[in-house]
Amino acid sequence: MKAGDVLFAIDTVELDARRRIAEAALAQTEAAIAVAKSQASSADDQVSFVEKEYKRIEGLAATGAVTARDLASAENLRTQARNARRTAASRA
């Protein structure tokens, strides 16, 4: 054997395949994070709307313009929106 001769060769096909799999998993995770952030933002918007609507209906209920059932329904929607926001935020 003389200087400059190849002592051994490493097959990198499997390593390249694993790298591509890892890169694909990273891209998938980044996409899932983007979706979760979008859902959290949407949930925030929904809560904001429902909170305003609840306050409006609460005011109407105080004057007798809407029924207690209407107020309970609005309160239920507010609770659902808050829960959805909490769930979306935990995923973001």
PDB file of N, CA and C in Angstrom:
ATOM      1  N   MET A   1       0.848  -1.161   0.000  1.00  0.00           N
ATOM      2  CA  MET A   1       0.000   0.000   0.000  1.00  0.00           C
ATOM      3  C   MET A   1       0.900   1.232   0.000  1.00  0.00           C
ATOM      4  N   LYS A   2       0.474   2.211  -0.734  1.00  0.00           N
ATOM      5  CA  LYS A   2       1.264   3.439  -0.814  1.00  0.00           C
ATOM      6  C   LYS A   2       0.406   4.646  -0.429  1.00  0.00           C
ATOM      7  N   ALA A   3       1.056   5.762  -0.179  1.00  0.00           N
ATOM      8  CA  ALA A   3       0.370   6.993   0.222  1.00  0.00           C
ATOM      9  C   ALA A   3      -0.641   7.397  -0.837  1.00  0.00           C
ATOM     10  N   GLY A   4      -1.831   7.773  -0.375  1.00  0.00           N
ATOM     11  CA  GLY A   4      -2.878   8.206  -1.289  1.00  0.00           C
ATOM     12  C   GLY A   4      -3.838   7.108  -1.682  1.00  0.00           C
ATOM     13  N   ASP A   5      -3.512   5.842  -1.353  1.00  0.00           N
ATOM     14  CA  ASP A   5      -4.431   4.739  -1.658  1.00  0.00           C
ATOM     15  C   ASP A   5      -5.657   4.824  -0.743  1.00  0.00           C
ATOM     16  N   VAL A   6      -6.810   4.431  -1.256  1.00  0.00           N
ATOM     17  CA  VAL A   6      -8.052   4.415  -0.483  1.00  0.00           C
ATOM     18  C   VAL A   6      -7.990   3.252   0.498  1.00  0.00           C
ATOM     19  N   LEU A   7      -8.163   3.567   1.793  1.00  0.00           N
ATOM     20  CA  LEU A   7      -8.132   2.524   2.818  1.00  0.00           C
ATOM     21  C   LEU A   7      -9.499   1.863   2.958  1.00  0.00           C
ATOM     22  N   PHE A   8     -10.539   2.666   2.899  1.00  0.00           N
ATOM     23  CA  PHE A   8     -11.903   2.139   2.987  1.00  0.00           C
ATOM     24  C   PHE A   8     -12.874   3.190   2.449  1.00  0.00           C
ATOM     25  N   ALA A   9     -14.107   2.757   2.160  1.00  0.00           N
ATOM     26  CA  ALA A   9     -15.162   3.655   1.677  1.00  0.00           C
ATOM     27  C   ALA A   9     -16.384   3.471   2.568  1.00  0.00           C
ATOM     28  N   ILE A  10     -17.048   4.564   2.864  1.00  0.00           N
ATOM     29  CA  ILE A  10     -18.254   4.517   3.690  1.00  0.00           C
ATOM     30  C   ILE A  10     -19.462   4.697   2.775  1.00  0.00           C
ATOM     31  N   ASP A  11     -20.420   3.771   2.921  1.00  0.00           N
ATOM     32  CA  ASP A  11     -21.659   3.845   2.152  1.00  0.00           C
ATOM     33  C   ASP A  11     -22.608   4.803   2.875  1.00  0.00           C
ATOM     34  N   THR A  12     -22.950   5.919   2.252  1.00  0.00           N
ATOM     35  CA  THR A  12     -23.783   6.943   2.893  1.00  0.00           C
ATOM     36  C   THR A  12     -25.248   6.900   2.455  1.00  0.00           C
ATOM     37  N   VAL A  13     -25.624   5.891   1.695  1.00  0.00           N
ATOM     38  CA  VAL A  13     -27.003   5.811   1.198  1.00  0.00           C
ATOM     39  C   VAL A  13     -27.991   5.763   2.358  1.00  0.00           C
ATOM     40  N   GLU A  14     -27.729   4.914   3.347  1.00  0.00           N
ATOM     41  CA  GLU A  14     -28.655   4.809   4.479  1.00  0.00           C
ATOM     42  C   GLU A  14     -28.680   6.103   5.294  1.00  0.00           C
ATOM     43  N   LEU A  15     -27.528   6.706   5.489  1.00  0.00           N
ATOM     44  CA  LEU A  15     -27.481   7.977   6.229  1.00  0.00           C
ATOM     45  C   LEU A  15     -28.241   9.074   5.493  1.00  0.00           C
ATOM     46  N   ASP A  16     -28.112   9.124   4.186  1.00  0.00           N
ATOM     47  CA  ASP A  16     -28.850  10.116   3.393  1.00  0.00           C
ATOM     48  C   ASP A  16     -30.358   9.889   3.503  1.00  0.00           C
ATOM     49  N   ALA A  17     -30.765   8.632   3.488  1.00  0.00           N
ATOM     50  CA  ALA A  17     -32.192   8.309   3.600  1.00  0.00           C
ATOM     51  C   ALA A  17     -32.720   8.743   4.970  1.00  0.00           C
ATOM     52  N   ARG A  18     -31.956   8.470   6.015  1.00  0.00           N
ATOM     53  CA  ARG A  18     -32.377   8.880   7.362  1.00  0.00           C
ATOM     54  C   ARG A  18     -32.456  10.402   7.476  1.00  0.00           C
ATOM     55  N   ARG A  19     -31.520  11.097   6.857  1.00  0.00           N
ATOM     56  CA  ARG A  19     -31.527  12.563   6.876  1.00  0.00           C
ATOM     57  C   ARG A  19     -32.781  13.093   6.181  1.00  0.00           C
ATOM     58  N   ARG A  20     -33.123  12.504   5.026  1.00  0.00           N
ATOM     59  CA  ARG A  20     -34.322  12.949   4.310  1.00  0.00           C
ATOM     60  C   ARG A  20     -35.583  12.686   5.130  1.00  0.00           C
ATOM     61  N   ILE A  21     -35.622  11.561   5.819  1.00  0.00           N
ATOM     62  CA  ILE A  21     -36.774  11.250   6.683  1.00  0.00           C
ATOM     63  C   ILE A  21     -36.864  12.272   7.815  1.00  0.00           C
ATOM     64  N   ALA A  22     -35.740  12.587   8.421  1.00  0.00           N
ATOM     65  CA  ALA A  22     -35.723  13.571   9.515  1.00  0.00           C
ATOM     66  C   ALA A  22     -36.145  14.947   9.011  1.00  0.00           C
ATOM     67  N   GLU A  23     -35.686  15.330   7.826  1.00  0.00           N
ATOM     68  CA  GLU A  23     -36.070  16.621   7.259  1.00  0.00           C
ATOM     69  C   GLU A  23     -37.564  16.669   6.965  1.00  0.00           C
ATOM     70  N   ALA A  24     -38.111  15.560   6.483  1.00  0.00           N
ATOM     71  CA  ALA A  24     -39.553  15.502   6.207  1.00  0.00           C
ATOM     72  C   ALA A  24     -40.351  15.592   7.506  1.00  0.00           C
ATOM     73  N   ALA A  25     -39.876  14.916   8.549  1.00  0.00           N
ATOM     74  CA  ALA A  25     -40.558  14.978   9.849  1.00  0.00           C
ATOM     75  C   ALA A  25     -40.513  16.395  10.405  1.00  0.00           C
ATOM     76  N   LEU A  26     -39.400  17.069  10.236  1.00  0.00           N
ATOM     77  CA  LEU A  26     -39.283  18.459  10.689  1.00  0.00           C
ATOM     78  C   LEU A  26     -40.250  19.363   9.934  1.00  0.00           C
ATOM     79  N   ALA A  27     -40.322  19.193   8.631  1.00  0.00           N
ATOM     80  CA  ALA A  27     -41.248  20.005   7.831  1.00  0.00           C
ATOM     81  C   ALA A  27     -42.690  19.753   8.248  1.00  0.00           C
ATOM     82  N   GLN A  28     -43.018  18.506   8.523  1.00  0.00           N
ATOM     83  CA  GLN A  28     -44.378  18.159   8.950  1.00  0.00           C
ATOM     84  C   GLN A  28     -44.681  18.804  10.308  1.00  0.00           C
ATOM     85  N   THR A  29     -43.727  18.770  11.205  1.00  0.00           N
ATOM     86  CA  THR A  29     -43.912  19.373  12.523  1.00  0.00           C
ATOM     87  C   THR A  29     -44.080  20.888  12.413  1.00  0.00           C
ATOM     88  N   GLU A  30     -43.279  21.519  11.573  1.00  0.00           N
ATOM     89  CA  GLU A  30     -43.398  22.969  11.378  1.00  0.00           C
ATOM     90  C   GLU A  30     -44.763  23.333  10.805  1.00  0.00           C
ATOM     91  N   ALA A  31     -45.267  22.504   9.886  1.00  0.00           N
ATOM     92  CA  ALA A  31     -46.598  22.750   9.321  1.00  0.00           C
ATOM     93  C   ALA A  31     -47.677  22.591  10.391  1.00  0.00           C
ATOM     94  N   ALA A  32     -47.532  21.584  11.240  1.00  0.00           N
ATOM     95  CA  ALA A  32     -48.509  21.368  12.314  1.00  0.00           C
ATOM     96  C   ALA A  32     -48.504  22.540  13.291  1.00  0.00           C
ATOM     97  N   ILE A  33     -47.332  23.077  13.574  1.00  0.00           N
ATOM     98  CA  ILE A  33     -47.231  24.235  14.466  1.00  0.00           C
ATOM     99  C   ILE A  33     -47.915  25.448  13.838  1.00  0.00           C
ATOM    100  N   ALA A  34     -47.712  25.644  12.544  1.00  0.00           N
ATOM    101  CA  ALA A  34     -48.358  26.769  11.857  1.00  0.00           C
ATOM    102  C   ALA A  34     -49.876  26.637  11.908  1.00  0.00           C
ATOM    103  N   VAL A  35     -50.376  25.433  11.712  1.00  0.00           N
ATOM    104  CA  VAL A  35     -51.826  25.197  11.777  1.00  0.00           C
ATOM    105  C   VAL A  35     -52.334  25.474  13.191  1.00  0.00           C
ATOM    106  N   ALA A  36     -51.607  24.991  14.196  1.00  0.00           N
ATOM    107  CA  ALA A  36     -52.019  25.198  15.587  1.00  0.00           C
ATOM    108  C   ALA A  36     -52.043  26.682  15.943  1.00  0.00           C
ATOM    109  N   LYS A  37     -51.054  27.428  15.472  1.00  0.00           N
ATOM    110  CA  LYS A  37     -51.033  28.871  15.739  1.00  0.00           C
ATOM    111  C   LYS A  37     -52.207  29.566  15.065  1.00  0.00           C
ATOM    112  N   SER A  38     -52.533  29.140  13.867  1.00  0.00           N
ATOM    113  CA  SER A  38     -53.669  29.717  13.150  1.00  0.00           C
ATOM    114  C   SER A  38     -54.977  29.407  13.878  1.00  0.00           C
ATOM    115  N   GLN A  39     -55.103  28.173  14.370  1.00  0.00           N
ATOM    116  CA  GLN A  39     -56.305  27.798  15.108  1.00  0.00           C
ATOM    117  C   GLN A  39     -56.412  28.586  16.409  1.00  0.00           C
ATOM    118  N   ALA A  40     -55.285  28.809  17.070  1.00  0.00           N
ATOM    119  CA  ALA A  40     -55.297  29.588  18.310  1.00  0.00           C
ATOM    120  C   ALA A  40     -55.722  31.025  18.042  1.00  0.00           C
ATOM    121  N   SER A  41     -55.226  31.591  16.959  1.00  0.00           N
ATOM    122  CA  SER A  41     -55.604  32.959  16.598  1.00  0.00           C
ATOM    123  C   SER A  41     -57.095  33.037  16.275  1.00  0.00           C
ATOM    124  N   SER A  42     -57.570  32.065  15.548  1.00  0.00           N
ATOM    125  CA  SER A  42     -58.987  32.019  15.195  1.00  0.00           C
ATOM    126  C   SER A  42     -59.844  31.869  16.449  1.00  0.00           C
ATOM    127  N   ALA A  43     -59.392  31.050  17.381  1.00  0.00           N
ATOM    128  CA  ALA A  43     -60.126  30.862  18.637  1.00  0.00           C
ATOM    129  C   ALA A  43     -60.155  32.155  19.438  1.00  0.00           C
ATOM    130  N   ASP A  44     -59.053  32.901  19.431  1.00  0.00           N
ATOM    131  CA  ASP A  44     -59.025  34.202  20.119  1.00  0.00           C
ATOM    132  C   ASP A  44     -60.060  35.151  19.515  1.00  0.00           C
ATOM    133  N   ASP A  45     -60.125  35.173  18.195  1.00  0.00           N
ATOM    134  CA  ASP A  45     -61.103  36.031  17.517  1.00  0.00           C
ATOM    135  C   ASP A  45     -62.526  35.620  17.878  1.00  0.00           C
ATOM    136  N   GLN A  46     -62.767  34.320  17.923  1.00  0.00           N
ATOM    137  CA  GLN A  46     -64.102  33.809  18.255  1.00  0.00           C
ATOM    138  C   GLN A  46     -64.481  34.203  19.682  1.00  0.00           C
ATOM    139  N   VAL A  47     -63.553  34.063  20.612  1.00  0.00           N
ATOM    140  CA  VAL A  47     -63.842  34.439  22.002  1.00  0.00           C
ATOM    141  C   VAL A  47     -64.151  35.928  22.095  1.00  0.00           C
ATOM    142  N   SER A  48     -63.392  36.723  21.399  1.00  0.00           N
ATOM    143  CA  SER A  48     -63.631  38.169  21.421  1.00  0.00           C
ATOM    144  C   SER A  48     -65.054  38.489  20.953  1.00  0.00           C
ATOM    145  N   PHE A  49     -65.455  37.865  19.847  1.00  0.00           N
ATOM    146  CA  PHE A  49     -66.801  38.090  19.326  1.00  0.00           C
ATOM    147  C   PHE A  49     -67.864  37.614  20.315  1.00  0.00           C
ATOM    148  N   VAL A  50     -67.687  36.409  20.848  1.00  0.00           N
ATOM    149  CA  VAL A  50     -68.685  35.824  21.746  1.00  0.00           C
ATOM    150  C   VAL A  50     -68.786  36.624  23.045  1.00  0.00           C
ATOM    151  N   GLU A  51     -67.657  37.121  23.531  1.00  0.00           N
ATOM    152  CA  GLU A  51     -67.684  37.940  24.754  1.00  0.00           C
ATOM    153  C   GLU A  51     -68.528  39.206  24.533  1.00  0.00           C
ATOM    154  N   LYS A  52     -68.329  39.859  23.404  1.00  0.00           N
ATOM    155  CA  LYS A  52     -69.116  41.062  23.086  1.00  0.00           C
ATOM    156  C   LYS A  52     -70.601  40.728  22.959  1.00  0.00           C
ATOM    157  N   GLU A  53     -70.873  39.626  22.293  1.00  0.00           N
ATOM    158  CA  GLU A  53     -72.272  39.213  22.115  1.00  0.00           C
ATOM    159  C   GLU A  53     -72.911  38.875  23.463  1.00  0.00           C
ATOM    160  N   TYR A  54     -72.158  38.218  24.316  1.00  0.00           N
ATOM    161  CA  TYR A  54     -72.682  37.879  25.637  1.00  0.00           C
ATOM    162  C   TYR A  54     -73.016  39.146  26.431  1.00  0.00           C
ATOM    163  N   LYS A  55     -72.121  40.115  26.410  1.00  0.00           N
ATOM    164  CA  LYS A  55     -72.377  41.369  27.131  1.00  0.00           C
ATOM    165  C   LYS A  55     -73.625  42.070  26.592  1.00  0.00           C
ATOM    166  N   ARG A  56     -73.801  42.002  25.265  1.00  0.00           N
ATOM    167  CA  ARG A  56     -74.987  42.622  24.660  1.00  0.00           C
ATOM    168  C   ARG A  56     -76.249  41.921  25.144  1.00  0.00           C
ATOM    169  N   ILE A  57     -76.238  40.601  25.120  1.00  0.00           N
ATOM    170  CA  ILE A  57     -77.420  39.840  25.539  1.00  0.00           C
ATOM    171  C   ILE A  57     -77.651  39.984  27.036  1.00  0.00           C
ATOM    172  N   GLU A  58     -76.575  40.053  27.803  1.00  0.00           N
ATOM    173  CA  GLU A  58     -76.695  40.254  29.248  1.00  0.00           C
ATOM    174  C   GLU A  58     -77.397  41.588  29.535  1.00  0.00           C
ATOM    175  N   GLY A  59     -77.030  42.620  28.778  1.00  0.00           N
ATOM    176  CA  GLY A  59     -77.686  43.919  28.942  1.00  0.00           C
ATOM    177  C   GLY A  59     -79.160  43.863  28.570  1.00  0.00           C
ATOM    178  N   LEU A  60     -79.449  43.141  27.492  1.00  0.00           N
ATOM    179  CA  LEU A  60     -80.849  42.992  27.080  1.00  0.00           C
ATOM    180  C   LEU A  60     -81.643  42.203  28.112  1.00  0.00           C
ATOM    181  N   ALA A  61     -81.007  41.192  28.709  1.00  0.00           N
ATOM    182  CA  ALA A  61     -81.698  40.385  29.728  1.00  0.00           C
ATOM    183  C   ALA A  61     -82.014  41.228  30.953  1.00  0.00           C
ATOM    184  N   ALA A  62     -81.143  42.154  31.287  1.00  0.00           N
ATOM    185  CA  ALA A  62     -81.374  43.020  32.452  1.00  0.00           C
ATOM    186  C   ALA A  62     -82.606  43.897  32.262  1.00  0.00           C
ATOM    187  N   THR A  63     -82.925  44.205  31.005  1.00  0.00           N
ATOM    188  CA  THR A  63     -84.100  45.029  30.731  1.00  0.00           C
ATOM    189  C   THR A  63     -85.329  44.190  30.408  1.00  0.00           C
ATOM    190  N   GLY A  64     -85.154  42.878  30.367  1.00  0.00           N
ATOM    191  CA  GLY A  64     -86.274  41.993  30.066  1.00  0.00           C
ATOM    192  C   GLY A  64     -86.529  41.826  28.576  1.00  0.00           C
ATOM    193  N   ALA A  65     -85.618  42.316  27.736  1.00  0.00           N
ATOM    194  CA  ALA A  65     -85.811  42.245  26.280  1.00  0.00           C
ATOM    195  C   ALA A  65     -85.541  40.849  25.721  1.00  0.00           C
ATOM    196  N   VAL A  66     -84.798  40.052  26.475  1.00  0.00           N
ATOM    197  CA  VAL A  66     -84.561  38.653  26.065  1.00  0.00           C
ATOM    198  C   VAL A  66     -84.834  37.763  27.265  1.00  0.00           C
ATOM    199  N   THR A  67     -85.034  36.501  26.991  1.00  0.00           N
ATOM    200  CA  THR A  67     -85.379  35.552  28.053  1.00  0.00           C
ATOM    201  C   THR A  67     -84.131  35.050  28.772  1.00  0.00           C
ATOM    202  N   ALA A  68     -84.364  34.447  29.918  1.00  0.00           N
ATOM    203  CA  ALA A  68     -83.272  33.821  30.675  1.00  0.00           C
ATOM    204  C   ALA A  68     -82.652  32.697  29.847  1.00  0.00           C
ATOM    205  N   ARG A  69     -83.459  32.071  29.044  1.00  0.00           N
ATOM    206  CA  ARG A  69     -82.958  30.999  28.177  1.00  0.00           C
ATOM    207  C   ARG A  69     -81.967  31.560  27.149  1.00  0.00           C
ATOM    208  N   ASP A  70     -82.276  32.724  26.595  1.00  0.00           N
ATOM    209  CA  ASP A  70     -81.358  33.367  25.651  1.00  0.00           C
ATOM    210  C   ASP A  70     -80.024  33.689  26.327  1.00  0.00           C
ATOM    211  N   LEU A  71     -80.108  34.190  27.552  1.00  0.00           N
ATOM    212  CA  LEU A  71     -78.899  34.508  28.302  1.00  0.00           C
ATOM    213  C   LEU A  71     -78.103  33.240  28.603  1.00  0.00           C
ATOM    214  N   ALA A  72     -78.790  32.175  29.001  1.00  0.00           N
ATOM    215  CA  ALA A  72     -78.107  30.904  29.291  1.00  0.00           C
ATOM    216  C   ALA A  72     -77.443  30.355  28.035  1.00  0.00           C
ATOM    217  N   SER A  73     -78.102  30.495  26.909  1.00  0.00           N
ATOM    218  CA  SER A  73     -77.534  30.039  25.638  1.00  0.00           C
ATOM    219  C   SER A  73     -76.277  30.823  25.298  1.00  0.00           C
ATOM    220  N   ALA A  74     -76.312  32.128  25.497  1.00  0.00           N
ATOM    221  CA  ALA A  74     -75.148  32.971  25.233  1.00  0.00           C
ATOM    222  C   ALA A  74     -74.004  32.614  26.179  1.00  0.00           C
ATOM    223  N   GLU A  75     -74.347  32.339  27.425  1.00  0.00           N
ATOM    224  CA  GLU A  75     -73.314  31.950  28.390  1.00  0.00           C
ATOM    225  C   GLU A  75     -72.685  30.611  28.003  1.00  0.00           C
ATOM    226  N   ASN A  76     -73.505  29.702  27.512  1.00  0.00           N
ATOM    227  CA  ASN A  76     -73.003  28.404  27.058  1.00  0.00           C
ATOM    228  C   ASN A  76     -72.052  28.579  25.874  1.00  0.00           C
ATOM    229  N   LEU A  77     -72.432  29.438  24.926  1.00  0.00           N
ATOM    230  CA  LEU A  77     -71.552  29.701  23.776  1.00  0.00           C
ATOM    231  C   LEU A  77     -70.236  30.330  24.221  1.00  0.00           C
ATOM    232  N   ARG A  78     -70.303  31.201  25.204  1.00  0.00           N
ATOM    233  CA  ARG A  78     -69.095  31.836  25.726  1.00  0.00           C
ATOM    234  C   ARG A  78     -68.173  30.788  26.358  1.00  0.00           C
ATOM    235  N   THR A  79     -68.750  29.879  27.129  1.00  0.00           N
ATOM    236  CA  THR A  79     -67.963  28.813  27.755  1.00  0.00           C
ATOM    237  C   THR A  79     -67.324  27.915  26.705  1.00  0.00           C
ATOM    238  N   GLN A  80     -68.079  27.568  25.676  1.00  0.00           N
ATOM    239  CA  GLN A  80     -67.542  26.725  24.597  1.00  0.00           C
ATOM    240  C   GLN A  80     -66.393  27.420  23.873  1.00  0.00           C
ATOM    241  N   ALA A  81     -66.551  28.697  23.611  1.00  0.00           N
ATOM    242  CA  ALA A  81     -65.510  29.450  22.913  1.00  0.00           C
ATOM    243  C   ALA A  81     -64.246  29.539  23.771  1.00  0.00           C
ATOM    244  N   ARG A  82     -64.427  29.775  25.053  1.00  0.00           N
ATOM    245  CA  ARG A  82     -63.270  29.835  25.946  1.00  0.00           C
ATOM    246  C   ARG A  82     -62.542  28.487  26.002  1.00  0.00           C
ATOM    247  N   ASN A  83     -63.313  27.419  26.073  1.00  0.00           N
ATOM    248  CA  ASN A  83     -62.708  26.073  26.087  1.00  0.00           C
ATOM    249  C   ASN A  83     -61.975  25.783  24.788  1.00  0.00           C
ATOM    250  N   ALA A  84     -62.553  26.185  23.678  1.00  0.00           N
ATOM    251  CA  ALA A  84     -61.904  25.973  22.376  1.00  0.00           C
ATOM    252  C   ALA A  84     -60.605  26.764  22.306  1.00  0.00           C
ATOM    253  N   ARG A  85     -60.618  27.977  22.836  1.00  0.00           N
ATOM    254  CA  ARG A  85     -59.402  28.786  22.836  1.00  0.00           C
ATOM    255  C   ARG A  85     -58.330  28.123  23.719  1.00  0.00           C
ATOM    256  N   ARG A  86     -58.731  27.627  24.863  1.00  0.00           N
ATOM    257  CA  ARG A  86     -57.788  26.965  25.769  1.00  0.00           C
ATOM    258  C   ARG A  86     -57.166  25.742  25.094  1.00  0.00           C
ATOM    259  N   THR A  87     -57.990  24.961  24.410  1.00  0.00           N
ATOM    260  CA  THR A  87     -57.507  23.776  23.711  1.00  0.00           C
ATOM    261  C   THR A  87     -56.563  24.164  22.580  1.00  0.00           C
ATOM    262  N   ALA A  88     -56.939  25.163  21.810  1.00  0.00           N
ATOM    263  CA  ALA A  88     -56.097  25.605  20.691  1.00  0.00           C
ATOM    264  C   ALA A  88     -54.775  26.161  21.201  1.00  0.00           C
ATOM    265  N   ALA A  89     -54.813  26.894  22.286  1.00  0.00           N
ATOM    266  CA  ALA A  89     -53.584  27.476  22.847  1.00  0.00           C
ATOM    267  C   ALA A  89     -52.648  26.385  23.355  1.00  0.00           C
ATOM    268  N   SER A  90     -53.197  25.318  23.881  1.00  0.00           N
ATOM    269  CA  SER A  90     -52.345  24.241  24.387  1.00  0.00           C
ATOM    270  C   SER A  90     -51.660  23.476  23.259  1.00  0.00           C
ATOM    271  N   ARG A  91     -52.203  23.563  22.059  1.00  0.00           N
ATOM    272  CA  ARG A  91     -51.614  22.875  20.905  1.00  0.00           C
ATOM    273  C   ARG A  91     -50.620  23.741  20.153  1.00  0.00           C
ATOM    274  N   ALA A  92     -50.700  25.047  20.403  1.00  0.00           N
ATOM    275  CA  ALA A  92     -49.825  25.975  19.666  1.00  0.00           C
ATOM    276  C   ALA A  92     -48.427  26.021  20.234  1.00  0.00           C
TER     277      ALA A  92
END
